[in-house]
Amino acid sequence: MDGRHTLSVAEGILMALRRYGQTDAFDELLRVAHRHHLSVLAVAHALVDLATNAYPPLGSPDRHADPTASLAEWESRLV
């Protein structure tokens, strides 16, 4: 999945999960990324991974930087 598609899917997840508009969904991705010192794309990838139960798991060196702490606020609603 390329970066734009990943961001779009992550926004869609938040739009469904939180009933946000697209701008609010992107703003939440930005807030989480800033709060945890990650890129927006890393947070978006992690959210999509979490929502789709992707393998390899979050935090795997084969995936991306460990964003698991940044996902705690979404995890309970997705799992």
PDB file of N, CA and C in Angstrom:
ATOM      1  N   MET A   1       0.848  -1.173   0.000  1.00  0.00           N
ATOM      2  CA  MET A   1       0.000   0.000   0.000  1.00  0.00           C
ATOM      3  C   MET A   1       0.898   1.242   0.000  1.00  0.00           C
ATOM      4  N   ASP A   2       0.648   2.174  -0.884  1.00  0.00           N
ATOM      5  CA  ASP A   2       1.467   3.381  -0.881  1.00  0.00           C
ATOM      6  C   ASP A   2       0.998   4.339   0.224  1.00  0.00           C
ATOM      7  N   GLY A   3       1.787   5.382   0.463  1.00  0.00           N
ATOM      8  CA  GLY A   3       1.533   6.303   1.566  1.00  0.00           C
ATOM      9  C   GLY A   3       0.181   6.984   1.516  1.00  0.00           C
ATOM     10  N   ARG A   4      -0.194   7.481   0.344  1.00  0.00           N
ATOM     11  CA  ARG A   4      -1.489   8.174   0.235  1.00  0.00           C
ATOM     12  C   ARG A   4      -2.653   7.235   0.499  1.00  0.00           C
ATOM     13  N   HIS A   5      -2.542   6.033  -0.027  1.00  0.00           N
ATOM     14  CA  HIS A   5      -3.614   5.050   0.187  1.00  0.00           C
ATOM     15  C   HIS A   5      -3.700   4.666   1.665  1.00  0.00           C
ATOM     16  N   THR A   6      -2.557   4.471   2.291  1.00  0.00           N
ATOM     17  CA  THR A   6      -2.533   4.134   3.716  1.00  0.00           C
ATOM     18  C   THR A   6      -3.178   5.236   4.542  1.00  0.00           C
ATOM     19  N   LEU A   7      -2.828   6.489   4.252  1.00  0.00           N
ATOM     20  CA  LEU A   7      -3.437   7.618   4.974  1.00  0.00           C
ATOM     21  C   LEU A   7      -4.941   7.655   4.766  1.00  0.00           C
ATOM     22  N   SER A   8      -5.371   7.419   3.544  1.00  0.00           N
ATOM     23  CA  SER A   8      -6.795   7.432   3.236  1.00  0.00           C
ATOM     24  C   SER A   8      -7.542   6.330   3.992  1.00  0.00           C
ATOM     25  N   VAL A   9      -6.958   5.142   4.034  1.00  0.00           N
ATOM     26  CA  VAL A   9      -7.585   4.033   4.752  1.00  0.00           C
ATOM     27  C   VAL A   9      -7.628   4.332   6.254  1.00  0.00           C
ATOM     28  N   ALA A  10      -6.531   4.848   6.806  1.00  0.00           N
ATOM     29  CA  ALA A  10      -6.489   5.189   8.234  1.00  0.00           C
ATOM     30  C   ALA A  10      -7.530   6.260   8.561  1.00  0.00           C
ATOM     31  N   GLU A  11      -7.648   7.258   7.703  1.00  0.00           N
ATOM     32  CA  GLU A  11      -8.681   8.279   7.902  1.00  0.00           C
ATOM     33  C   GLU A  11     -10.064   7.651   7.885  1.00  0.00           C
ATOM     34  N   GLY A  12     -10.296   6.746   6.953  1.00  0.00           N
ATOM     35  CA  GLY A  12     -11.588   6.070   6.867  1.00  0.00           C
ATOM     36  C   GLY A  12     -11.902   5.274   8.121  1.00  0.00           C
ATOM     37  N   ILE A  13     -10.889   4.640   8.683  1.00  0.00           N
ATOM     38  CA  ILE A  13     -11.082   3.883   9.925  1.00  0.00           C
ATOM     39  C   ILE A  13     -11.522   4.830  11.039  1.00  0.00           C
ATOM     40  N   LEU A  14     -10.839   5.954  11.159  1.00  0.00           N
ATOM     41  CA  LEU A  14     -11.205   6.921  12.204  1.00  0.00           C
ATOM     42  C   LEU A  14     -12.553   7.570  11.932  1.00  0.00           C
ATOM     43  N   MET A  15     -12.866   7.776  10.670  1.00  0.00           N
ATOM     44  CA  MET A  15     -14.170   8.349  10.325  1.00  0.00           C
ATOM     45  C   MET A  15     -15.289   7.398  10.773  1.00  0.00           C
ATOM     46  N   ALA A  16     -15.084   6.114  10.587  1.00  0.00           N
ATOM     47  CA  ALA A  16     -16.086   5.132  11.008  1.00  0.00           C
ATOM     48  C   ALA A  16     -16.078   4.947  12.520  1.00  0.00           C
ATOM     49  N   LEU A  17     -14.893   4.883  13.095  1.00  0.00           N
ATOM     50  CA  LEU A  17     -14.736   4.616  14.517  1.00  0.00           C
ATOM     51  C   LEU A  17     -15.231   5.772  15.373  1.00  0.00           C
ATOM     52  N   ARG A  18     -14.853   6.980  14.989  1.00  0.00           N
ATOM     53  CA  ARG A  18     -15.153   8.169  15.788  1.00  0.00           C
ATOM     54  C   ARG A  18     -16.254   9.054  15.202  1.00  0.00           C
ATOM     55  N   ARG A  19     -16.719   8.659  14.011  1.00  0.00           N
ATOM     56  CA  ARG A  19     -17.706   9.464  13.285  1.00  0.00           C
ATOM     57  C   ARG A  19     -17.178  10.875  12.995  1.00  0.00           C
ATOM     58  N   TYR A  20     -15.911  10.904  12.596  1.00  0.00           N
ATOM     59  CA  TYR A  20     -15.244  12.145  12.226  1.00  0.00           C
ATOM     60  C   TYR A  20     -15.459  12.441  10.753  1.00  0.00           C
ATOM     61  N   GLY A  21     -15.254  13.697  10.398  1.00  0.00           N
ATOM     62  CA  GLY A  21     -15.074  14.060   9.007  1.00  0.00           C
ATOM     63  C   GLY A  21     -13.619  13.785   8.648  1.00  0.00           C
ATOM     64  N   GLN A  22     -13.289  13.914   7.370  1.00  0.00           N
ATOM     65  CA  GLN A  22     -11.928  13.609   6.921  1.00  0.00           C
ATOM     66  C   GLN A  22     -10.887  14.502   7.589  1.00  0.00           C
ATOM     67  N   THR A  23     -11.190  15.779   7.726  1.00  0.00           N
ATOM     68  CA  THR A  23     -10.238  16.705   8.348  1.00  0.00           C
ATOM     69  C   THR A  23      -9.974  16.336   9.793  1.00  0.00           C
ATOM     70  N   ASP A  24     -11.023  16.019  10.538  1.00  0.00           N
ATOM     71  CA  ASP A  24     -10.848  15.632  11.938  1.00  0.00           C
ATOM     72  C   ASP A  24     -10.069  14.326  12.063  1.00  0.00           C
ATOM     73  N   ALA A  25     -10.301  13.402  11.157  1.00  0.00           N
ATOM     74  CA  ALA A  25      -9.575  12.126  11.183  1.00  0.00           C
ATOM     75  C   ALA A  25      -8.082  12.367  10.951  1.00  0.00           C
ATOM     76  N   PHE A  26      -7.747  13.182   9.964  1.00  0.00           N
ATOM     77  CA  PHE A  26      -6.341  13.479   9.707  1.00  0.00           C
ATOM     78  C   PHE A  26      -5.727  14.230  10.884  1.00  0.00           C
ATOM     79  N   ASP A  27      -6.481  15.155  11.467  1.00  0.00           N
ATOM     80  CA  ASP A  27      -5.984  15.890  12.635  1.00  0.00           C
ATOM     81  C   ASP A  27      -5.671  14.948  13.790  1.00  0.00           C
ATOM     82  N   GLU A  28      -6.496  13.928  13.989  1.00  0.00           N
ATOM     83  CA  GLU A  28      -6.210  12.961  15.054  1.00  0.00           C
ATOM     84  C   GLU A  28      -4.942  12.180  14.750  1.00  0.00           C
ATOM     85  N   LEU A  29      -4.764  11.771  13.509  1.00  0.00           N
ATOM     86  CA  LEU A  29      -3.517  11.092  13.139  1.00  0.00           C
ATOM     87  C   LEU A  29      -2.312  11.982  13.422  1.00  0.00           C
ATOM     88  N   LEU A  30      -2.431  13.251  13.096  1.00  0.00           N
ATOM     89  CA  LEU A  30      -1.344  14.203  13.370  1.00  0.00           C
ATOM     90  C   LEU A  30      -1.075  14.333  14.869  1.00  0.00           C
ATOM     91  N   ARG A  31      -2.133  14.481  15.659  1.00  0.00           N
ATOM     92  CA  ARG A  31      -1.967  14.624  17.115  1.00  0.00           C
ATOM     93  C   ARG A  31      -1.270  13.404  17.711  1.00  0.00           C
ATOM     94  N   VAL A  32      -1.713  12.226  17.302  1.00  0.00           N
ATOM     95  CA  VAL A  32      -1.108  11.001  17.829  1.00  0.00           C
ATOM     96  C   VAL A  32       0.355  10.908  17.400  1.00  0.00           C
ATOM     97  N   ALA A  33       0.621  11.234  16.156  1.00  0.00           N
ATOM     98  CA  ALA A  33       2.004  11.187  15.661  1.00  0.00           C
ATOM     99  C   ALA A  33       2.897  12.155  16.438  1.00  0.00           C
ATOM    100  N   HIS A  34       2.432  13.363  16.651  1.00  0.00           N
ATOM    101  CA  HIS A  34       3.231  14.345  17.396  1.00  0.00           C
ATOM    102  C   HIS A  34       3.422  13.919  18.844  1.00  0.00           C
ATOM    103  N   ARG A  35       2.362  13.439  19.456  1.00  0.00           N
ATOM    104  CA  ARG A  35       2.418  13.041  20.866  1.00  0.00           C
ATOM    105  C   ARG A  35       3.430  11.914  21.089  1.00  0.00           C
ATOM    106  N   HIS A  36       3.574  11.037  20.110  1.00  0.00           N
ATOM    107  CA  HIS A  36       4.453   9.882  20.273  1.00  0.00           C
ATOM    108  C   HIS A  36       5.726   9.971  19.446  1.00  0.00           C
ATOM    109  N   HIS A  37       5.982  11.150  18.872  1.00  0.00           N
ATOM    110  CA  HIS A  37       7.210  11.397  18.109  1.00  0.00           C
ATOM    111  C   HIS A  37       7.399  10.396  16.968  1.00  0.00           C
ATOM    112  N   LEU A  38       6.315  10.182  16.223  1.00  0.00           N
ATOM    113  CA  LEU A  38       6.331   9.307  15.061  1.00  0.00           C
ATOM    114  C   LEU A  38       5.863  10.091  13.848  1.00  0.00           C
ATOM    115  N   SER A  39       6.109   9.547  12.682  1.00  0.00           N
ATOM    116  CA  SER A  39       5.577  10.186  11.476  1.00  0.00           C
ATOM    117  C   SER A  39       4.092   9.852  11.357  1.00  0.00           C
ATOM    118  N   VAL A  40       3.367  10.696  10.672  1.00  0.00           N
ATOM    119  CA  VAL A  40       1.943  10.446  10.441  1.00  0.00           C
ATOM    120  C   VAL A  40       1.774   9.138   9.679  1.00  0.00           C
ATOM    121  N   LEU A  41       2.654   8.878   8.749  1.00  0.00           N
ATOM    122  CA  LEU A  41       2.560   7.649   7.971  1.00  0.00           C
ATOM    123  C   LEU A  41       2.779   6.406   8.839  1.00  0.00           C
ATOM    124  N   ALA A  42       3.714   6.468   9.784  1.00  0.00           N
ATOM    125  CA  ALA A  42       3.935   5.329  10.684  1.00  0.00           C
ATOM    126  C   ALA A  42       2.692   5.056  11.527  1.00  0.00           C
ATOM    127  N   VAL A  43       2.060   6.116  12.009  1.00  0.00           N
ATOM    128  CA  VAL A  43       0.839   5.966  12.801  1.00  0.00           C
ATOM    129  C   VAL A  43      -0.290   5.423  11.927  1.00  0.00           C
ATOM    130  N   ALA A  44      -0.402   5.930  10.711  1.00  0.00           N
ATOM    131  CA  ALA A  44      -1.445   5.451   9.794  1.00  0.00           C
ATOM    132  C   ALA A  44      -1.240   3.970   9.478  1.00  0.00           C
ATOM    133  N   HIS A  45      -0.002   3.572   9.183  1.00  0.00           N
ATOM    134  CA  HIS A  45       0.293   2.157   8.915  1.00  0.00           C
ATOM    135  C   HIS A  45      -0.082   1.301  10.126  1.00  0.00           C
ATOM    136  N   ALA A  46       0.285   1.766  11.304  1.00  0.00           N
ATOM    137  CA  ALA A  46       0.006   0.994  12.512  1.00  0.00           C
ATOM    138  C   ALA A  46      -1.491   0.855  12.746  1.00  0.00           C
ATOM    139  N   LEU A  47      -2.245   1.916  12.514  1.00  0.00           N
ATOM    140  CA  LEU A  47      -3.693   1.847  12.688  1.00  0.00           C
ATOM    141  C   LEU A  47      -4.323   0.886  11.685  1.00  0.00           C
ATOM    142  N   VAL A  48      -3.888   0.957  10.455  1.00  0.00           N
ATOM    143  CA  VAL A  48      -4.403   0.039   9.431  1.00  0.00           C
ATOM    144  C   VAL A  48      -4.030  -1.398   9.790  1.00  0.00           C
ATOM    145  N   ASP A  49      -2.799  -1.617  10.236  1.00  0.00           N
ATOM    146  CA  ASP A  49      -2.372  -2.953  10.665  1.00  0.00           C
ATOM    147  C   ASP A  49      -3.256  -3.466  11.795  1.00  0.00           C
ATOM    148  N   LEU A  50      -3.499  -2.616  12.766  1.00  0.00           N
ATOM    149  CA  LEU A  50      -4.325  -3.007  13.902  1.00  0.00           C
ATOM    150  C   LEU A  50      -5.739  -3.350  13.456  1.00  0.00           C
ATOM    151  N   ALA A  51      -6.312  -2.523  12.616  1.00  0.00           N
ATOM    152  CA  ALA A  51      -7.694  -2.720  12.171  1.00  0.00           C
ATOM    153  C   ALA A  51      -7.849  -3.948  11.281  1.00  0.00           C
ATOM    154  N   THR A  52      -6.802  -4.302  10.556  1.00  0.00           N
ATOM    155  CA  THR A  52      -6.895  -5.431   9.623  1.00  0.00           C
ATOM    156  C   THR A  52      -6.208  -6.693  10.138  1.00  0.00           C
ATOM    157  N   ASN A  53      -5.705  -6.614  11.372  1.00  0.00           N
ATOM    158  CA  ASN A  53      -5.024  -7.753  11.966  1.00  0.00           C
ATOM    159  C   ASN A  53      -3.862  -8.209  11.094  1.00  0.00           C
ATOM    160  N   ALA A  54      -3.080  -7.268  10.631  1.00  0.00           N
ATOM    161  CA  ALA A  54      -2.000  -7.537   9.680  1.00  0.00           C
ATOM    162  C   ALA A  54      -0.878  -8.366  10.302  1.00  0.00           C
ATOM    163  N   TYR A  55      -0.188  -9.065   9.451  1.00  0.00           N
ATOM    164  CA  TYR A  55       0.980  -9.821   9.852  1.00  0.00           C
ATOM    165  C   TYR A  55       2.122  -9.451   8.918  1.00  0.00           C
ATOM    166  N   PRO A  56       3.334  -9.238   9.377  1.00  0.00           N
ATOM    167  CA  PRO A  56       3.843  -9.372  10.730  1.00  0.00           C
ATOM    168  C   PRO A  56       3.208  -8.358  11.673  1.00  0.00           C
ATOM    169  N   PRO A  57       3.250  -8.651  12.972  1.00  0.00           N
ATOM    170  CA  PRO A  57       2.560  -7.811  13.947  1.00  0.00           C
ATOM    171  C   PRO A  57       3.192  -6.440  14.117  1.00  0.00           C
ATOM    172  N   LEU A  58       2.443  -5.557  14.755  1.00  0.00           N
ATOM    173  CA  LEU A  58       2.945  -4.222  15.075  1.00  0.00           C
ATOM    174  C   LEU A  58       4.259  -4.325  15.829  1.00  0.00           C
ATOM    175  N   GLY A  59       5.172  -3.427  15.528  1.00  0.00           N
ATOM    176  CA  GLY A  59       6.449  -3.404  16.207  1.00  0.00           C
ATOM    177  C   GLY A  59       7.469  -4.359  15.634  1.00  0.00           C
ATOM    178  N   SER A  60       7.068  -5.200  14.699  1.00  0.00           N
ATOM    179  CA  SER A  60       8.010  -6.123  14.094  1.00  0.00           C
ATOM    180  C   SER A  60       9.032  -5.336  13.280  1.00  0.00           C
ATOM    181  N   PRO A  61      10.295  -5.716  13.341  1.00  0.00           N
ATOM    182  CA  PRO A  61      11.291  -5.014  12.537  1.00  0.00           C
ATOM    183  C   PRO A  61      11.002  -5.130  11.040  1.00  0.00           C
ATOM    184  N   ASP A  62      10.214  -6.129  10.659  1.00  0.00           N
ATOM    185  CA  ASP A  62       9.852  -6.295   9.257  1.00  0.00           C
ATOM    186  C   ASP A  62       8.750  -5.324   8.838  1.00  0.00           C
ATOM    187  N   ARG A  63       8.182  -4.610   9.769  1.00  0.00           N
ATOM    188  CA  ARG A  63       7.038  -3.734   9.495  1.00  0.00           C
ATOM    189  C   ARG A  63       7.466  -2.272   9.452  1.00  0.00           C
ATOM    190  N   HIS A  64       7.664  -1.673  10.599  1.00  0.00           N
ATOM    191  CA  HIS A  64       8.025  -0.263  10.721  1.00  0.00           C
ATOM    192  C   HIS A  64       8.404   0.010  12.159  1.00  0.00           C
ATOM    193  N   ALA A  65       8.751   1.246  12.465  1.00  0.00           N
ATOM    194  CA  ALA A  65       9.119   1.614  13.831  1.00  0.00           C
ATOM    195  C   ALA A  65       7.994   1.243  14.793  1.00  0.00           C
ATOM    196  N   ASP A  66       8.345   0.957  16.032  1.00  0.00           N
ATOM    197  CA  ASP A  66       7.368   0.491  17.016  1.00  0.00           C
ATOM    198  C   ASP A  66       6.389   1.588  17.423  1.00  0.00           C
ATOM    199  N   PRO A  67       5.180   1.573  16.863  1.00  0.00           N
ATOM    200  CA  PRO A  67       4.171   2.580  17.195  1.00  0.00           C
ATOM    201  C   PRO A  67       3.128   2.076  18.182  1.00  0.00           C
ATOM    202  N   THR A  68       3.382   0.947  18.841  1.00  0.00           N
ATOM    203  CA  THR A  68       2.336   0.322  19.640  1.00  0.00           C
ATOM    204  C   THR A  68       1.802   1.220  20.745  1.00  0.00           C
ATOM    205  N   ALA A  69       2.647   2.001  21.372  1.00  0.00           N
ATOM    206  CA  ALA A  69       2.168   2.881  22.441  1.00  0.00           C
ATOM    207  C   ALA A  69       1.189   3.912  21.904  1.00  0.00           C
ATOM    208  N   SER A  70       1.383   4.339  20.686  1.00  0.00           N
ATOM    209  CA  SER A  70       0.508   5.358  20.112  1.00  0.00           C
ATOM    210  C   SER A  70      -0.870   4.817  19.783  1.00  0.00           C
ATOM    211  N   LEU A  71      -1.025   3.498  19.766  1.00  0.00           N
ATOM    212  CA  LEU A  71      -2.297   2.905  19.364  1.00  0.00           C
ATOM    213  C   LEU A  71      -3.201   2.528  20.528  1.00  0.00           C
ATOM    214  N   ALA A  72      -2.740   2.696  21.741  1.00  0.00           N
ATOM    215  CA  ALA A  72      -3.528   2.285  22.898  1.00  0.00           C
ATOM    216  C   ALA A  72      -4.906   2.934  22.898  1.00  0.00           C
ATOM    217  N   GLU A  73      -4.994   4.177  22.451  1.00  0.00           N
ATOM    218  CA  GLU A  73      -6.280   4.863  22.456  1.00  0.00           C
ATOM    219  C   GLU A  73      -7.271   4.316  21.429  1.00  0.00           C
ATOM    220  N   TRP A  74      -6.783   3.584  20.435  1.00  0.00           N
ATOM    221  CA  TRP A  74      -7.684   2.992  19.421  1.00  0.00           C
ATOM    222  C   TRP A  74      -7.895   1.503  19.655  1.00  0.00           C
ATOM    223  N   GLU A  75      -6.905   0.852  20.254  1.00  0.00           N
ATOM    224  CA  GLU A  75      -6.899  -0.602  20.313  1.00  0.00           C
ATOM    225  C   GLU A  75      -8.153  -1.193  20.954  1.00  0.00           C
ATOM    226  N   SER A  76      -8.599  -0.646  22.047  1.00  0.00           N
ATOM    227  CA  SER A  76      -9.743  -1.224  22.746  1.00  0.00           C
ATOM    228  C   SER A  76     -11.019  -1.159  21.921  1.00  0.00           C
ATOM    229  N   ARG A  77     -11.091  -0.236  20.987  1.00  0.00           N
ATOM    230  CA  ARG A  77     -12.285  -0.120  20.151  1.00  0.00           C
ATOM    231  C   ARG A  77     -12.212  -0.954  18.888  1.00  0.00           C
ATOM    232  N   LEU A  78     -11.012  -1.424  18.541  1.00  0.00           N
ATOM    233  CA  LEU A  78     -10.834  -2.187  17.310  1.00  0.00           C
ATOM    234  C   LEU A  78     -10.703  -3.685  17.545  1.00  0.00           C
ATOM    235  N   VAL A  79     -10.272  -4.069  18.722  1.00  0.00           N
ATOM    236  CA  VAL A  79     -10.008  -5.482  18.989  1.00  0.00           C
ATOM    237  C   VAL A  79     -11.231  -6.139  19.584  1.00  0.00           C
TER     238      VAL A  79
END
